[in-house]
PDB file of N, CA and C in Angstrom:
ATOM      1  N   MET A   1      56.582 144.165  94.237  1.00  0.00           N
ATOM      2  CA  MET A   1      56.348 143.132  93.232  1.00  0.00           C
ATOM      3  C   MET A   1      56.947 143.607  91.907  1.00  0.00           C
ATOM      4  N   PRO A   2      57.738 142.740  91.223  1.00  0.00           N
ATOM      5  CA  PRO A   2      58.352 143.172  89.977  1.00  0.00           C
ATOM      6  C   PRO A   2      57.317 143.368  88.884  1.00  0.00           C
ATOM      7  N   LYS A   3      57.622 144.312  87.990  1.00  0.00           N
ATOM      8  CA  LYS A   3      56.764 144.533  86.824  1.00  0.00           C
ATOM      9  C   LYS A   3      56.884 143.324  85.905  1.00  0.00           C
ATOM     10  N   ALA A   4      55.893 143.143  85.056  1.00  0.00           N
ATOM     11  CA  ALA A   4      55.951 142.060  84.081  1.00  0.00           C
ATOM     12  C   ALA A   4      56.160 142.658  82.702  1.00  0.00           C
ATOM     13  N   ARG A   5      56.826 141.918  81.858  1.00  0.00           N
ATOM     14  CA  ARG A   5      57.002 142.359  80.477  1.00  0.00           C
ATOM     15  C   ARG A   5      56.736 141.187  79.558  1.00  0.00           C
ATOM     16  N   GLU A   6      56.503 141.525  78.320  1.00  0.00           N
ATOM     17  CA  GLU A   6      56.187 140.513  77.330  1.00  0.00           C
ATOM     18  C   GLU A   6      57.380 139.578  77.123  1.00  0.00           C
ATOM     19  N   PRO A   7      57.096 138.288  76.822  1.00  0.00           N
ATOM     20  CA  PRO A   7      58.199 137.396  76.478  1.00  0.00           C
ATOM     21  C   PRO A   7      58.958 137.984  75.295  1.00  0.00           C
ATOM     22  N   GLY A   8      60.262 137.893  75.354  1.00  0.00           N
ATOM     23  CA  GLY A   8      61.076 138.377  74.252  1.00  0.00           C
ATOM     24  C   GLY A   8      61.618 139.769  74.448  1.00  0.00           C
ATOM     25  N   ALA A   9      61.229 140.445  75.506  1.00  0.00           N
ATOM     26  CA  ALA A   9      61.733 141.792  75.735  1.00  0.00           C
ATOM     27  C   ALA A   9      63.202 141.745  76.130  1.00  0.00           C
ATOM     28  N   ALA A  10      63.946 142.728  75.689  1.00  0.00           N
ATOM     29  CA  ALA A  10      65.349 142.934  76.089  1.00  0.00           C
ATOM     30  C   ALA A  10      66.226 141.699  75.938  1.00  0.00           C
ATOM     31  N   GLY A  11      66.193 141.081  74.748  1.00  0.00           N
ATOM     32  CA  GLY A  11      67.093 139.970  74.492  1.00  0.00           C
ATOM     33  C   GLY A  11      66.722 138.665  75.179  1.00  0.00           C
ATOM     34  N   ARG A  12      65.540 138.576  75.709  1.00  0.00           N
ATOM     35  CA  ARG A  12      65.125 137.358  76.406  1.00  0.00           C
ATOM     36  C   ARG A  12      64.112 136.588  75.572  1.00  0.00           C
ATOM     37  N   THR A  13      64.263 136.637  74.269  1.00  0.00           N
ATOM     38  CA  THR A  13      63.327 135.980  73.375  1.00  0.00           C
ATOM     39  C   THR A  13      63.446 134.463  73.501  1.00  0.00           C
ATOM     40  N   PRO A  14      62.347 133.795  73.810  1.00  0.00           N
ATOM     41  CA  PRO A  14      62.383 132.334  73.820  1.00  0.00           C
ATOM     42  C   PRO A  14      62.745 131.837  72.421  1.00  0.00           C
ATOM     43  N   LYS A  15      63.557 130.803  72.365  1.00  0.00           N
ATOM     44  CA  LYS A  15      63.952 130.254  71.068  1.00  0.00           C
ATOM     45  C   LYS A  15      64.146 128.762  71.194  1.00  0.00           C
ATOM     46  N   PRO A  16      63.931 128.042  70.095  1.00  0.00           N
ATOM     47  CA  PRO A  16      64.182 126.597  70.139  1.00  0.00           C
ATOM     48  C   PRO A  16      65.682 126.342  70.192  1.00  0.00           C
ATOM     49  N   GLN A  17      66.060 125.264  70.838  1.00  0.00           N
ATOM     50  CA  GLN A  17      67.467 124.879  70.914  1.00  0.00           C
ATOM     51  C   GLN A  17      67.579 123.392  70.600  1.00  0.00           C
ATOM     52  N   ILE A  18      68.672 123.031  69.961  1.00  0.00           N
ATOM     53  CA  ILE A  18      68.907 121.636  69.600  1.00  0.00           C
ATOM     54  C   ILE A  18      69.933 121.038  70.551  1.00  0.00           C
ATOM     55  N   ARG A  19      69.662 119.829  70.981  1.00  0.00           N
ATOM     56  CA  ARG A  19      70.621 119.042  71.739  1.00  0.00           C
ATOM     57  C   ARG A  19      70.776 117.714  71.021  1.00  0.00           C
ATOM     58  N   ILE A  20      72.016 117.334  70.746  1.00  0.00           N
ATOM     59  CA  ILE A  20      72.300 116.080  70.058  1.00  0.00           C
ATOM     60  C   ILE A  20      72.670 115.048  71.114  1.00  0.00           C
ATOM     61  N   LEU A  21      71.844 114.028  71.236  1.00  0.00           N
ATOM     62  CA  LEU A  21      72.072 112.990  72.245  1.00  0.00           C
ATOM     63  C   LEU A  21      72.884 111.849  71.653  1.00  0.00           C
ATOM     64  N   PHE A  22      73.814 111.331  72.436  1.00  0.00           N
ATOM     65  CA  PHE A  22      74.608 110.168  72.062  1.00  0.00           C
ATOM     66  C   PHE A  22      74.634 109.265  73.278  1.00  0.00           C
ATOM     67  N   ARG A  23      74.026 108.113  73.132  1.00  0.00           N
ATOM     68  CA  ARG A  23      73.795 107.239  74.270  1.00  0.00           C
ATOM     69  C   ARG A  23      72.989 108.018  75.297  1.00  0.00           C
ATOM     70  N   LYS A  24      73.468 108.165  76.517  1.00  0.00           N
ATOM     71  CA  LYS A  24      72.702 108.900  77.531  1.00  0.00           C
ATOM     72  C   LYS A  24      73.240 110.304  77.747  1.00  0.00           C
ATOM     73  N   ALA A  25      74.215 110.708  76.955  1.00  0.00           N
ATOM     74  CA  ALA A  25      74.853 112.018  77.141  1.00  0.00           C
ATOM     75  C   ALA A  25      74.420 112.984  76.044  1.00  0.00           C
ATOM     76  N   ILE A  26      74.495 114.261  76.361  1.00  0.00           N
ATOM     77  CA  ILE A  26      74.287 115.286  75.343  1.00  0.00           C
ATOM     78  C   ILE A  26      75.657 115.518  74.693  1.00  0.00           C
ATOM     79  N   ALA A  27      75.795 115.050  73.453  1.00  0.00           N
ATOM     80  CA  ALA A  27      77.071 115.177  72.747  1.00  0.00           C
ATOM     81  C   ALA A  27      77.336 116.629  72.367  1.00  0.00           C
ATOM     82  N   MET A  28      76.275 117.342  71.981  1.00  0.00           N
ATOM     83  CA  MET A  28      76.423 118.751  71.601  1.00  0.00           C
ATOM     84  C   MET A  28      75.106 119.457  71.863  1.00  0.00           C
ATOM     85  N   GLY A  29      75.225 120.658  72.381  1.00  0.00           N
ATOM     86  CA  GLY A  29      74.068 121.495  72.650  1.00  0.00           C
ATOM     87  C   GLY A  29      74.541 122.931  72.724  1.00  0.00           C
ATOM     88  N   PRO A  30      73.635 123.851  73.036  1.00  0.00           N
ATOM     89  CA  PRO A  30      74.004 125.267  73.047  1.00  0.00           C
ATOM     90  C   PRO A  30      75.114 125.612  74.037  1.00  0.00           C
ATOM     91  N   GLY A  31      75.115 125.005  75.200  1.00  0.00           N
ATOM     92  CA  GLY A  31      76.150 125.290  76.194  1.00  0.00           C
ATOM     93  C   GLY A  31      77.517 124.775  75.766  1.00  0.00           C
ATOM     94  N   LYS A  32      77.540 123.596  75.165  1.00  0.00           N
ATOM     95  CA  LYS A  32      78.811 123.042  74.693  1.00  0.00           C
ATOM     96  C   LYS A  32      79.337 123.832  73.509  1.00  0.00           C
ATOM     97  N   ALA A  33      78.440 124.289  72.648  1.00  0.00           N
ATOM     98  CA  ALA A  33      78.863 125.135  71.522  1.00  0.00           C
ATOM     99  C   ALA A  33      79.474 126.437  72.050  1.00  0.00           C
ATOM    100  N   GLU A  34      78.827 127.017  73.047  1.00  0.00           N
ATOM    101  CA  GLU A  34      79.351 128.247  73.647  1.00  0.00           C
ATOM    102  C   GLU A  34      80.714 127.997  74.302  1.00  0.00           C
ATOM    103  N   LEU A  35      80.866 126.839  74.947  1.00  0.00           N
ATOM    104  CA  LEU A  35      82.138 126.496  75.576  1.00  0.00           C
ATOM    105  C   LEU A  35      83.238 126.345  74.524  1.00  0.00           C
ATOM    106  N   LEU A  36      82.946 125.679  73.413  1.00  0.00           N
ATOM    107  CA  LEU A  36      83.940 125.557  72.340  1.00  0.00           C
ATOM    108  C   LEU A  36      84.373 126.928  71.837  1.00  0.00           C
ATOM    109  N   GLN A  37      83.411 127.831  71.663  1.00  0.00           N
ATOM    110  CA  GLN A  37      83.742 129.180  71.206  1.00  0.00           C
ATOM    111  C   GLN A  37      84.600 129.910  72.230  1.00  0.00           C
ATOM    112  N   ALA A  38      84.317 129.726  73.505  1.00  0.00           N
ATOM    113  CA  ALA A  38      85.098 130.374  74.561  1.00  0.00           C
ATOM    114  C   ALA A  38      86.516 129.794  74.623  1.00  0.00           C
ATOM    115  N   ILE A  39      86.653 128.494  74.432  1.00  0.00           N
ATOM    116  CA  ILE A  39      87.986 127.880  74.409  1.00  0.00           C
ATOM    117  C   ILE A  39      88.772 128.420  73.225  1.00  0.00           C
ATOM    118  N   GLU A  40      88.119 128.577  72.101  1.00  0.00           N
ATOM    119  CA  GLU A  40      88.784 129.120  70.919  1.00  0.00           C
ATOM    120  C   GLU A  40      89.284 130.548  71.190  1.00  0.00           C
ATOM    121  N   ARG A  41      88.459 131.349  71.858  1.00  0.00           N
ATOM    122  CA  ARG A  41      88.844 132.739  72.160  1.00  0.00           C
ATOM    123  C   ARG A  41      89.979 132.828  73.170  1.00  0.00           C
ATOM    124  N   THR A  42      89.933 131.972  74.185  1.00  0.00           N
ATOM    125  CA  THR A  42      90.850 132.110  75.318  1.00  0.00           C
ATOM    126  C   THR A  42      92.074 131.201  75.257  1.00  0.00           C
ATOM    127  N   GLY A  43      91.968 130.095  74.506  1.00  0.00           N
ATOM    128  CA  GLY A  43      93.074 129.148  74.452  1.00  0.00           C
ATOM    129  C   GLY A  43      93.234 128.329  75.717  1.00  0.00           C
ATOM    130  N   SER A  44      92.155 128.266  76.518  1.00  0.00           N
ATOM    131  CA  SER A  44      92.260 127.598  77.814  1.00  0.00           C
ATOM    132  C   SER A  44      90.882 127.163  78.287  1.00  0.00           C
ATOM    133  N   ILE A  45      90.809 125.951  78.837  1.00  0.00           N
ATOM    134  CA  ILE A  45      89.543 125.490  79.415  1.00  0.00           C
ATOM    135  C   ILE A  45      89.222 126.297  80.669  1.00  0.00           C
ATOM    136  N   SER A  46      90.225 126.550  81.502  1.00  0.00           N
ATOM    137  CA  SER A  46      89.965 127.291  82.744  1.00  0.00           C
ATOM    138  C   SER A  46      89.552 128.732  82.452  1.00  0.00           C
ATOM    139  N   ALA A  47      90.193 129.390  81.483  1.00  0.00           N
ATOM    140  CA  ALA A  47      89.802 130.763  81.138  1.00  0.00           C
ATOM    141  C   ALA A  47      88.416 130.788  80.515  1.00  0.00           C
ATOM    142  N   ALA A  48      88.110 129.783  79.695  1.00  0.00           N
ATOM    143  CA  ALA A  48      86.773 129.694  79.104  1.00  0.00           C
ATOM    144  C   ALA A  48      85.725 129.509  80.200  1.00  0.00           C
ATOM    145  N   ALA A  49      86.039 128.667  81.181  1.00  0.00           N
ATOM    146  CA  ALA A  49      85.112 128.434  82.298  1.00  0.00           C
ATOM    147  C   ALA A  49      84.877 129.727  83.068  1.00  0.00           C
ATOM    148  N   ARG A  50      85.946 130.467  83.352  1.00  0.00           N
ATOM    149  CA  ARG A  50      85.790 131.748  84.067  1.00  0.00           C
ATOM    150  C   ARG A  50      84.937 132.712  83.257  1.00  0.00           C
ATOM    151  N   GLU A  51      85.192 132.784  81.960  1.00  0.00           N
ATOM    152  CA  GLU A  51      84.427 133.679  81.086  1.00  0.00           C
ATOM    153  C   GLU A  51      82.937 133.340  81.118  1.00  0.00           C
ATOM    154  N   MET A  52      82.629 132.054  81.254  1.00  0.00           N
ATOM    155  CA  MET A  52      81.233 131.602  81.253  1.00  0.00           C
ATOM    156  C   MET A  52      80.656 131.492  82.658  1.00  0.00           C
ATOM    157  N   ASP A  53      81.433 131.887  83.692  1.00  0.00           N
ATOM    158  CA  ASP A  53      81.000 131.794  85.083  1.00  0.00           C
ATOM    159  C   ASP A  53      80.629 130.348  85.436  1.00  0.00           C
ATOM    160  N   MET A  54      81.554 129.436  85.098  1.00  0.00           N
ATOM    161  CA  MET A  54      81.359 128.013  85.298  1.00  0.00           C
ATOM    162  C   MET A  54      82.609 127.466  86.000  1.00  0.00           C
ATOM    163  N   SER A  55      82.458 126.423  86.767  1.00  0.00           N
ATOM    164  CA  SER A  55      83.628 125.837  87.421  1.00  0.00           C
ATOM    165  C   SER A  55      84.503 125.146  86.376  1.00  0.00           C
ATOM    166  N   TYR A  56      85.802 125.083  86.675  1.00  0.00           N
ATOM    167  CA  TYR A  56      86.733 124.384  85.784  1.00  0.00           C
ATOM    168  C   TYR A  56      86.313 122.926  85.646  1.00  0.00           C
ATOM    169  N   ARG A  57      85.925 122.304  86.754  1.00  0.00           N
ATOM    170  CA  ARG A  57      85.515 120.898  86.723  1.00  0.00           C
ATOM    171  C   ARG A  57      84.344 120.682  85.775  1.00  0.00           C
ATOM    172  N   ARG A  58      83.355 121.555  85.849  1.00  0.00           N
ATOM    173  CA  ARG A  58      82.183 121.435  84.965  1.00  0.00           C
ATOM    174  C   ARG A  58      82.611 121.576  83.505  1.00  0.00           C
ATOM    175  N   ALA A  59      83.450 122.561  83.210  1.00  0.00           N
ATOM    176  CA  ALA A  59      83.920 122.773  81.840  1.00  0.00           C
ATOM    177  C   ALA A  59      84.702 121.547  81.359  1.00  0.00           C
ATOM    178  N   TRP A  60      85.575 121.010  82.223  1.00  0.00           N
ATOM    179  CA  TRP A  60      86.360 119.850  81.844  1.00  0.00           C
ATOM    180  C   TRP A  60      85.458 118.656  81.564  1.00  0.00           C
ATOM    181  N   LEU A  61      84.426 118.447  82.386  1.00  0.00           N
ATOM    182  CA  LEU A  61      83.501 117.333  82.162  1.00  0.00           C
ATOM    183  C   LEU A  61      82.749 117.493  80.839  1.00  0.00           C
ATOM    184  N   LEU A  62      82.367 118.720  80.500  1.00  0.00           N
ATOM    185  CA  LEU A  62      81.688 118.963  79.222  1.00  0.00           C
ATOM    186  C   LEU A  62      82.625 118.663  78.050  1.00  0.00           C
ATOM    187  N   VAL A  63      83.870 119.108  78.150  1.00  0.00           N
ATOM    188  CA  VAL A  63      84.862 118.828  77.098  1.00  0.00           C
ATOM    189  C   VAL A  63      85.074 117.324  76.971  1.00  0.00           C
ATOM    190  N   ASP A  64      85.207 116.643  78.097  1.00  0.00           N
ATOM    191  CA  ASP A  64      85.424 115.200  78.088  1.00  0.00           C
ATOM    192  C   ASP A  64      84.252 114.475  77.426  1.00  0.00           C
ATOM    193  N   THR A  65      83.033 114.889  77.733  1.00  0.00           N
ATOM    194  CA  THR A  65      81.852 114.282  77.115  1.00  0.00           C
ATOM    195  C   THR A  65      81.875 114.494  75.602  1.00  0.00           C
ATOM    196  N   MET A  66      82.193 115.716  75.169  1.00  0.00           N
ATOM    197  CA  MET A  66      82.275 115.969  73.731  1.00  0.00           C
ATOM    198  C   MET A  66      83.349 115.103  73.093  1.00  0.00           C
ATOM    199  N   ASN A  67      84.526 115.067  73.694  1.00  0.00           N
ATOM    200  CA  ASN A  67      85.629 114.298  73.116  1.00  0.00           C
ATOM    201  C   ASN A  67      85.307 112.814  73.018  1.00  0.00           C
ATOM    202  N   GLN A  68      84.540 112.289  73.963  1.00  0.00           N
ATOM    203  CA  GLN A  68      84.184 110.869  73.945  1.00  0.00           C
ATOM    204  C   GLN A  68      83.023 110.557  73.004  1.00  0.00           C
ATOM    205  N   SER A  69      82.255 111.578  72.634  1.00  0.00           N
ATOM    206  CA  SER A  69      81.058 111.362  71.820  1.00  0.00           C
ATOM    207  C   SER A  69      81.322 111.358  70.322  1.00  0.00           C
ATOM    208  N   PHE A  70      82.489 111.811  69.908  1.00  0.00           N
ATOM    209  CA  PHE A  70      82.782 111.935  68.476  1.00  0.00           C
ATOM    210  C   PHE A  70      83.962 111.054  68.088  1.00  0.00           C
ATOM    211  N   LYS A  71      84.108 110.827  66.784  1.00  0.00           N
ATOM    212  CA  LYS A  71      85.176 109.969  66.252  1.00  0.00           C
ATOM    213  C   LYS A  71      86.564 110.514  66.534  1.00  0.00           C
ATOM    214  N   GLN A  72      86.674 111.835  66.629  1.00  0.00           N
ATOM    215  CA  GLN A  72      87.949 112.487  66.929  1.00  0.00           C
ATOM    216  C   GLN A  72      87.698 113.508  68.038  1.00  0.00           C
ATOM    217  N   VAL A  73      88.768 113.928  68.702  1.00  0.00           N
ATOM    218  CA  VAL A  73      88.610 114.907  69.774  1.00  0.00           C
ATOM    219  C   VAL A  73      88.249 116.275  69.193  1.00  0.00           C
ATOM    220  N   LEU A  74      87.438 117.014  69.936  1.00  0.00           N
ATOM    221  CA  LEU A  74      87.049 118.367  69.547  1.00  0.00           C
ATOM    222  C   LEU A  74      87.971 119.394  70.174  1.00  0.00           C
ATOM    223  N   VAL A  75      88.495 119.048  71.358  1.00  0.00           N
ATOM    224  CA  VAL A  75      89.408 119.943  72.086  1.00  0.00           C
ATOM    225  C   VAL A  75      90.645 119.142  72.451  1.00  0.00           C
ATOM    226  N   SER A  76      91.814 119.669  72.093  1.00  0.00           N
ATOM    227  CA  SER A  76      93.068 119.038  72.510  1.00  0.00           C
ATOM    228  C   SER A  76      93.687 119.912  73.593  1.00  0.00           C
ATOM    229  N   THR A  77      94.373 119.255  74.517  1.00  0.00           N
ATOM    230  CA  THR A  77      94.965 119.986  75.641  1.00  0.00           C
ATOM    231  C   THR A  77      96.459 119.700  75.715  1.00  0.00           C
ATOM    232  N   GLU A  78      97.175 120.671  76.267  1.00  0.00           N
ATOM    233  CA  GLU A  78      98.604 120.528  76.540  1.00  0.00           C
ATOM    234  C   GLU A  78      98.797 120.881  78.006  1.00  0.00           C
ATOM    235  N   THR A  79      99.546 120.056  78.702  1.00  0.00           N
ATOM    236  CA  THR A  79      99.775 120.309  80.128  1.00  0.00           C
ATOM    237  C   THR A  79     101.170 120.860  80.357  1.00  0.00           C
ATOM    238  N   GLY A  80     101.313 121.593  81.442  1.00  0.00           N
ATOM    239  CA  GLY A  80     102.617 122.067  81.908  1.00  0.00           C
ATOM    240  C   GLY A  80     103.314 123.033  80.975  1.00  0.00           C
ATOM    241  N   GLY A  81     104.626 123.032  81.085  1.00  0.00           N
ATOM    242  CA  GLY A  81     105.423 123.949  80.293  1.00  0.00           C
ATOM    243  C   GLY A  81     105.501 125.318  80.941  1.00  0.00           C
ATOM    244  N   GLN A  82     106.303 126.193  80.364  1.00  0.00           N
ATOM    245  CA  GLN A  82     106.463 127.538  80.919  1.00  0.00           C
ATOM    246  C   GLN A  82     105.167 128.334  80.886  1.00  0.00           C
ATOM    247  N   ARG A  83     104.381 128.112  79.856  1.00  0.00           N
ATOM    248  CA  ARG A  83     103.143 128.883  79.730  1.00  0.00           C
ATOM    249  C   ARG A  83     101.967 128.209  80.429  1.00  0.00           C
ATOM    250  N   GLY A  84     102.191 127.058  81.061  1.00  0.00           N
ATOM    251  CA  GLY A  84     101.132 126.410  81.835  1.00  0.00           C
ATOM    252  C   GLY A  84     100.166 125.592  81.016  1.00  0.00           C
ATOM    253  N   GLY A  85     100.518 125.223  79.789  1.00  0.00           N
ATOM    254  CA  GLY A  85      99.637 124.402  78.973  1.00  0.00           C
ATOM    255  C   GLY A  85      98.585 125.231  78.274  1.00  0.00           C
ATOM    256  N   GLY A  86      97.507 124.599  77.923  1.00  0.00           N
ATOM    257  CA  GLY A  86      96.430 125.290  77.231  1.00  0.00           C
ATOM    258  C   GLY A  86      95.528 124.305  76.528  1.00  0.00           C
ATOM    259  N   ALA A  87      94.606 124.832  75.760  1.00  0.00           N
ATOM    260  CA  ALA A  87      93.660 124.003  75.021  1.00  0.00           C
ATOM    261  C   ALA A  87      93.354 124.681  73.701  1.00  0.00           C
ATOM    262  N   ARG A  88      93.002 123.874  72.724  1.00  0.00           N
ATOM    263  CA  ARG A  88      92.593 124.437  71.445  1.00  0.00           C
ATOM    264  C   ARG A  88      91.500 123.577  70.842  1.00  0.00           C
ATOM    265  N   VAL A  89      90.636 124.225  70.091  1.00  0.00           N
ATOM    266  CA  VAL A  89      89.598 123.515  69.359  1.00  0.00           C
ATOM    267  C   VAL A  89      90.267 122.973  68.099  1.00  0.00           C
ATOM    268  N   THR A  90      90.145 121.673  67.877  1.00  0.00           N
ATOM    269  CA  THR A  90      90.776 121.035  66.728  1.00  0.00           C
ATOM    270  C   THR A  90      90.027 121.397  65.444  1.00  0.00           C
ATOM    271  N   GLU A  91      90.638 121.079  64.325  1.00  0.00           N
ATOM    272  CA  GLU A  91      89.974 121.290  63.030  1.00  0.00           C
ATOM    273  C   GLU A  91      88.657 120.511  62.997  1.00  0.00           C
ATOM    274  N   PHE A  92      88.691 119.285  63.507  1.00  0.00           N
ATOM    275  CA  PHE A  92      87.476 118.474  63.586  1.00  0.00           C
ATOM    276  C   PHE A  92      86.444 119.146  64.494  1.00  0.00           C
ATOM    277  N   GLY A  93      86.905 119.713  65.609  1.00  0.00           N
ATOM    278  CA  GLY A  93      86.017 120.430  66.523  1.00  0.00           C
ATOM    279  C   GLY A  93      85.354 121.617  65.850  1.00  0.00           C
ATOM    280  N   HIS A  94      86.114 122.330  65.012  1.00  0.00           N
ATOM    281  CA  HIS A  94      85.541 123.453  64.249  1.00  0.00           C
ATOM    282  C   HIS A  94      84.450 122.963  63.306  1.00  0.00           C
ATOM    283  N   GLU A  95      84.701 121.830  62.657  1.00  0.00           N
ATOM    284  CA  GLU A  95      83.693 121.289  61.738  1.00  0.00           C
ATOM    285  C   GLU A  95      82.420 120.916  62.483  1.00  0.00           C
ATOM    286  N   VAL A  96      82.570 120.223  63.621  1.00  0.00           N
ATOM    287  CA  VAL A  96      81.406 119.841  64.430  1.00  0.00           C
ATOM    288  C   VAL A  96      80.643 121.092  64.863  1.00  0.00           C
ATOM    289  N   LEU A  97      81.355 122.100  65.349  1.00  0.00           N
ATOM    290  CA  LEU A  97      80.720 123.334  65.812  1.00  0.00           C
ATOM    291  C   LEU A  97      79.970 124.018  64.680  1.00  0.00           C
ATOM    292  N   GLN A  98      80.588 124.155  63.525  1.00  0.00           N
ATOM    293  CA  GLN A  98      79.939 124.832  62.396  1.00  0.00           C
ATOM    294  C   GLN A  98      78.702 124.075  61.930  1.00  0.00           C
ATOM    295  N   ARG A  99      78.791 122.757  61.874  1.00  0.00           N
ATOM    296  CA  ARG A  99      77.622 121.959  61.475  1.00  0.00           C
ATOM    297  C   ARG A  99      76.496 122.086  62.507  1.00  0.00           C
ATOM    298  N   TYR A 100      76.848 122.065  63.778  1.00  0.00           N
ATOM    299  CA  TYR A 100      75.841 122.223  64.834  1.00  0.00           C
ATOM    300  C   TYR A 100      75.153 123.587  64.723  1.00  0.00           C
ATOM    301  N   LEU A 101      75.941 124.664  64.594  1.00  0.00           N
ATOM    302  CA  LEU A 101      75.368 126.004  64.491  1.00  0.00           C
ATOM    303  C   LEU A 101      74.482 126.141  63.259  1.00  0.00           C
ATOM    304  N   ALA A 102      74.871 125.502  62.150  1.00  0.00           N
ATOM    305  CA  ALA A 102      74.056 125.537  60.936  1.00  0.00           C
ATOM    306  C   ALA A 102      72.729 124.808  61.155  1.00  0.00           C
ATOM    307  N   MET A 103      72.766 123.656  61.826  1.00  0.00           N
ATOM    308  CA  MET A 103      71.530 122.918  62.119  1.00  0.00           C
ATOM    309  C   MET A 103      70.617 123.727  63.030  1.00  0.00           C
ATOM    310  N   GLU A 104      71.211 124.369  64.022  1.00  0.00           N
ATOM    311  CA  GLU A 104      70.417 125.164  64.954  1.00  0.00           C
ATOM    312  C   GLU A 104      69.740 126.333  64.232  1.00  0.00           C
ATOM    313  N   ALA A 105      70.469 126.989  63.339  1.00  0.00           N
ATOM    314  CA  ALA A 105      69.896 128.110  62.576  1.00  0.00           C
ATOM    315  C   ALA A 105      68.774 127.623  61.663  1.00  0.00           C
ATOM    316  N   LYS A 106      68.987 126.494  60.982  1.00  0.00           N
ATOM    317  CA  LYS A 106      67.942 125.938  60.104  1.00  0.00           C
ATOM    318  C   LYS A 106      66.700 125.568  60.900  1.00  0.00           C
ATOM    319  N   ALA A 107      66.897 124.962  62.053  1.00  0.00           N
ATOM    320  CA  ALA A 107      65.762 124.571  62.893  1.00  0.00           C
ATOM    321  C   ALA A 107      64.979 125.799  63.341  1.00  0.00           C
ATOM    322  N   ALA A 108      65.684 126.845  63.780  1.00  0.00           N
ATOM    323  CA  ALA A 108      65.011 128.067  64.234  1.00  0.00           C
ATOM    324  C   ALA A 108      64.238 128.710  63.089  1.00  0.00           C
ATOM    325  N   ASN A 109      64.834 128.758  61.909  1.00  0.00           N
ATOM    326  CA  ASN A 109      64.149 129.351  60.745  1.00  0.00           C
ATOM    327  C   ASN A 109      62.930 128.541  60.351  1.00  0.00           C
ATOM    328  N   SER A 110      63.023 127.215  60.449  1.00  0.00           N
ATOM    329  CA  SER A 110      61.920 126.369  60.006  1.00  0.00           C
ATOM    330  C   SER A 110      60.696 126.457  60.920  1.00  0.00           C
ATOM    331  N   VAL A 111      60.882 126.853  62.164  1.00  0.00           N
ATOM    332  CA  VAL A 111      59.747 126.947  63.088  1.00  0.00           C
ATOM    333  C   VAL A 111      59.458 128.390  63.506  1.00  0.00           C
ATOM    334  N   ALA A 112      60.004 129.355  62.786  1.00  0.00           N
ATOM    335  CA  ALA A 112      59.861 130.765  63.185  1.00  0.00           C
ATOM    336  C   ALA A 112      58.399 131.187  63.316  1.00  0.00           C
ATOM    337  N   GLY A 113      57.567 130.832  62.351  1.00  0.00           N
ATOM    338  CA  GLY A 113      56.150 131.199  62.412  1.00  0.00           C
ATOM    339  C   GLY A 113      55.448 130.579  63.604  1.00  0.00           C
ATOM    340  N   GLU A 114      55.664 129.287  63.791  1.00  0.00           N
ATOM    341  CA  GLU A 114      55.046 128.592  64.922  1.00  0.00           C
ATOM    342  C   GLU A 114      55.581 129.127  66.246  1.00  0.00           C
ATOM    343  N   MET A 115      56.860 129.481  66.254  1.00  0.00           N
ATOM    344  CA  MET A 115      57.464 130.008  67.483  1.00  0.00           C
ATOM    345  C   MET A 115      56.838 131.339  67.866  1.00  0.00           C
ATOM    346  N   ALA A 116      56.570 132.193  66.886  1.00  0.00           N
ATOM    347  CA  ALA A 116      55.940 133.487  67.167  1.00  0.00           C
ATOM    348  C   ALA A 116      54.575 133.276  67.816  1.00  0.00           C
ATOM    349  N   GLU A 117      53.828 132.306  67.325  1.00  0.00           N
ATOM    350  CA  GLU A 117      52.522 132.011  67.920  1.00  0.00           C
ATOM    351  C   GLU A 117      52.672 131.361  69.288  1.00  0.00           C
ATOM    352  N   PHE A 118      53.659 130.522  69.442  1.00  0.00           N
ATOM    353  CA  PHE A 118      53.913 129.844  70.710  1.00  0.00           C
ATOM    354  C   PHE A 118      54.255 130.854  71.799  1.00  0.00           C
ATOM    355  N   VAL A 119      55.087 131.847  71.461  1.00  0.00           N
ATOM    356  CA  VAL A 119      55.510 132.872  72.431  1.00  0.00           C
ATOM    357  C   VAL A 119      54.294 133.625  72.960  1.00  0.00           C
ATOM    358  N   LYS A 120      53.286 133.814  72.121  1.00  0.00           N
ATOM    359  CA  LYS A 120      52.070 134.521  72.559  1.00  0.00           C
ATOM    360  C   LYS A 120      51.368 133.773  73.686  1.00  0.00           C
ATOM    361  N   LEU A 121      51.592 132.480  73.802  1.00  0.00           N
ATOM    362  CA  LEU A 121      50.961 131.650  74.825  1.00  0.00           C
ATOM    363  C   LEU A 121      51.741 131.635  76.145  1.00  0.00           C
ATOM    364  N   MET A 122      52.928 132.197  76.129  1.00  0.00           N
ATOM    365  CA  MET A 122      53.798 132.142  77.300  1.00  0.00           C
ATOM    366  C   MET A 122      53.460 133.234  78.313  1.00  0.00           C
ATOM    367  N   ALA A 123      53.796 132.962  79.568  1.00  0.00           N
ATOM    368  CA  ALA A 123      53.578 133.927  80.634  1.00  0.00           C
ATOM    369  C   ALA A 123      54.496 135.119  80.443  1.00  0.00           C
ATOM    370  N   LYS A 124      54.088 136.246  80.990  1.00  0.00           N
ATOM    371  CA  LYS A 124      54.946 137.426  80.945  1.00  0.00           C
ATOM    372  C   LYS A 124      56.130 137.206  81.873  1.00  0.00           C
ATOM    373  N   LEU A 125      57.269 137.736  81.475  1.00  0.00           N
ATOM    374  CA  LEU A 125      58.495 137.599  82.271  1.00  0.00           C
ATOM    375  C   LEU A 125      58.609 138.738  83.283  1.00  0.00           C
ATOM    376  N   PRO A 126      59.047 138.450  84.513  1.00  0.00           N
ATOM    377  CA  PRO A 126      59.250 139.537  85.479  1.00  0.00           C
ATOM    378  C   PRO A 126      60.444 140.389  85.076  1.00  0.00           C
ATOM    379  N   VAL A 127      60.387 141.669  85.365  1.00  0.00           N
ATOM    380  CA  VAL A 127      61.501 142.564  85.137  1.00  0.00           C
ATOM    381  C   VAL A 127      62.446 142.409  86.320  1.00  0.00           C
ATOM    382  N   ILE A 128      63.690 142.075  86.044  1.00  0.00           N
ATOM    383  CA  ILE A 128      64.645 141.831  87.140  1.00  0.00           C
ATOM    384  C   ILE A 128      65.660 142.944  87.177  1.00  0.00           C
TER     385      ILE A 128
END
C-alpha cells in the first residue's frame, strides 16, 4: 500500500485554475496556455504536442478552438516548404496569453488564504 503525504508535497500543491468559456468551448485555460508556450518554444504544433505528451490531433484541435474563439488568430501556421512548415504564436496570441496568465495570478493571490484552509480539508495524496 502506498504511503500517504500531505496535499501540496513535492510540487503537487492544489491550486485554483481559470478557464475562460466561449459558447460551449473553453477558449483559454491552463492547458491551452501551456500549449501556446510550447508552440512558442518549439515553433511547431507537432513538436509542442510531443513535448507535452499529447497527440498532434489533440494539439491541433486545441489550437483551432483558440483561433475560433478570438477576434484574431493566436497561432498562425505555414505548411510545406523545405523546412516542413511550422507554427508561431502571433502578437495577438502573446497578448491573450499574457492577459490570461495575469488573471490567473491575480485569482490565485486573491484566494490564497482561503486556499490554504481549503487544502487542509483535502485527502492525503498517495506517494507514487
